[in-house]
Amino acid sequence: MPRTLIATGLILLFAGLCWPLLSRLPLGRLPGDILIQRQNFTFYLPITTCVLASIIFSFIAWIVRR
């Protein structure tokens, strides 16, 4: 458990330090993300972004477990 918490903290620290670069990525605006805008209503469902994030986090978890 301590190794997992340390690894998670390091990953969050790395993501925080790289935030200016990460904010320029087109995440949230990928093809496959659903955006419905009406007069007084906006619905956003980032399907492709969630799948991509899941793949990346699974890969990181796999590396940490090795």
C-alpha atoms as a PDB file:
ATOM      1  CA  MET A   1       0.000   0.000   0.000  1.00  0.00           C
ATOM      2  CA  PRO A   2       2.735   2.574   0.748  1.00  0.00           C
ATOM      3  CA  ARG A   3       4.331   1.942  -2.656  1.00  0.00           C
ATOM      4  CA  THR A   4       1.004   2.564  -4.358  1.00  0.00           C
ATOM      5  CA  LEU A   5       0.447   5.812  -2.478  1.00  0.00           C
ATOM      6  CA  ILE A   6       3.966   7.021  -3.260  1.00  0.00           C
ATOM      7  CA  ALA A   7       3.584   6.135  -6.941  1.00  0.00           C
ATOM      8  CA  THR A   8       0.208   7.870  -7.104  1.00  0.00           C
ATOM      9  CA  GLY A   9       1.673  10.960  -5.451  1.00  0.00           C
ATOM     10  CA  LEU A  10       4.588  11.041  -7.879  1.00  0.00           C
ATOM     11  CA  ILE A  11       2.258  10.702 -10.849  1.00  0.00           C
ATOM     12  CA  LEU A  12       0.065  13.541  -9.577  1.00  0.00           C
ATOM     13  CA  LEU A  13       3.154  15.677  -8.937  1.00  0.00           C
ATOM     14  CA  PHE A  14       4.418  14.996 -12.462  1.00  0.00           C
ATOM     15  CA  ALA A  15       1.011  15.823 -13.961  1.00  0.00           C
ATOM     16  CA  GLY A  16       0.857  19.027 -11.941  1.00  0.00           C
ATOM     17  CA  LEU A  17       4.283  20.121 -13.117  1.00  0.00           C
ATOM     18  CA  CYS A  18       3.379  19.342 -16.723  1.00  0.00           C
ATOM     19  CA  TRP A  19      -0.058  21.007 -16.521  1.00  0.00           C
ATOM     20  CA  PRO A  20       0.850  23.950 -18.805  1.00  0.00           C
ATOM     21  CA  LEU A  21       1.825  21.479 -21.520  1.00  0.00           C
ATOM     22  CA  LEU A  22      -1.084  19.117 -20.836  1.00  0.00           C
ATOM     23  CA  SER A  23      -3.641  21.914 -21.091  1.00  0.00           C
ATOM     24  CA  ARG A  24      -2.623  22.513 -24.709  1.00  0.00           C
ATOM     25  CA  LEU A  25      -3.544  18.947 -25.704  1.00  0.00           C
ATOM     26  CA  PRO A  26      -6.905  18.579 -27.439  1.00  0.00           C
ATOM     27  CA  LEU A  27      -8.276  16.338 -24.658  1.00  0.00           C
ATOM     28  CA  GLY A  28     -11.974  16.918 -24.277  1.00  0.00           C
ATOM     29  CA  ARG A  29     -12.328  17.863 -27.930  1.00  0.00           C
ATOM     30  CA  LEU A  30     -11.497  14.526 -29.534  1.00  0.00           C
ATOM     31  CA  PRO A  31     -13.584  12.887 -32.255  1.00  0.00           C
ATOM     32  CA  GLY A  32     -16.160  10.714 -30.514  1.00  0.00           C
ATOM     33  CA  ASP A  33     -16.781  13.135 -27.653  1.00  0.00           C
ATOM     34  CA  ILE A  34     -20.467  14.068 -27.604  1.00  0.00           C
ATOM     35  CA  LEU A  35     -21.449  17.723 -27.226  1.00  0.00           C
ATOM     36  CA  ILE A  36     -25.082  18.802 -27.437  1.00  0.00           C
ATOM     37  CA  GLN A  37     -25.814  22.511 -27.101  1.00  0.00           C
ATOM     38  CA  ARG A  38     -29.319  23.911 -26.924  1.00  0.00           C
ATOM     39  CA  GLN A  39     -30.612  27.319 -25.954  1.00  0.00           C
ATOM     40  CA  ASN A  40     -30.398  26.873 -22.145  1.00  0.00           C
ATOM     41  CA  PHE A  41     -28.773  23.436 -21.977  1.00  0.00           C
ATOM     42  CA  THR A  42     -25.362  21.949 -22.658  1.00  0.00           C
ATOM     43  CA  PHE A  43     -24.619  18.221 -22.448  1.00  0.00           C
ATOM     44  CA  TYR A  44     -21.056  16.954 -22.775  1.00  0.00           C
ATOM     45  CA  LEU A  45     -20.031  13.282 -22.717  1.00  0.00           C
ATOM     46  CA  PRO A  46     -16.285  12.760 -23.329  1.00  0.00           C
ATOM     47  CA  ILE A  47     -16.382   9.103 -24.411  1.00  0.00           C
ATOM     48  CA  THR A  48     -13.137   9.071 -26.417  1.00  0.00           C
ATOM     49  CA  THR A  49     -11.275  11.112 -23.816  1.00  0.00           C
ATOM     50  CA  CYS A  50     -12.343   8.691 -21.058  1.00  0.00           C
ATOM     51  CA  VAL A  51     -11.236   5.658 -23.080  1.00  0.00           C
ATOM     52  CA  LEU A  52      -7.864   7.275 -23.788  1.00  0.00           C
ATOM     53  CA  ALA A  53      -7.387   8.206 -20.118  1.00  0.00           C
ATOM     54  CA  SER A  54      -8.299   4.667 -19.074  1.00  0.00           C
ATOM     55  CA  ILE A  55      -5.707   3.183 -21.423  1.00  0.00           C
ATOM     56  CA  ILE A  56      -3.014   5.560 -20.166  1.00  0.00           C
ATOM     57  CA  PHE A  57      -3.817   4.945 -16.486  1.00  0.00           C
ATOM     58  CA  SER A  58      -3.933   1.174 -17.046  1.00  0.00           C
ATOM     59  CA  PHE A  59      -0.508   1.310 -18.678  1.00  0.00           C
ATOM     60  CA  ILE A  60       0.899   3.351 -15.781  1.00  0.00           C
ATOM     61  CA  ALA A  61      -0.608   0.927 -13.246  1.00  0.00           C
ATOM     62  CA  TRP A  62       0.881  -1.999 -15.158  1.00  0.00           C
ATOM     63  CA  ILE A  63       4.333  -0.387 -15.043  1.00  0.00           C
ATOM     64  CA  VAL A  64       4.020   0.367 -11.309  1.00  0.00           C
ATOM     65  CA  ARG A  65       2.996  -3.223 -10.547  1.00  0.00           C
ATOM     66  CA  ARG A  66       6.015  -4.669 -12.371  1.00  0.00           C
END
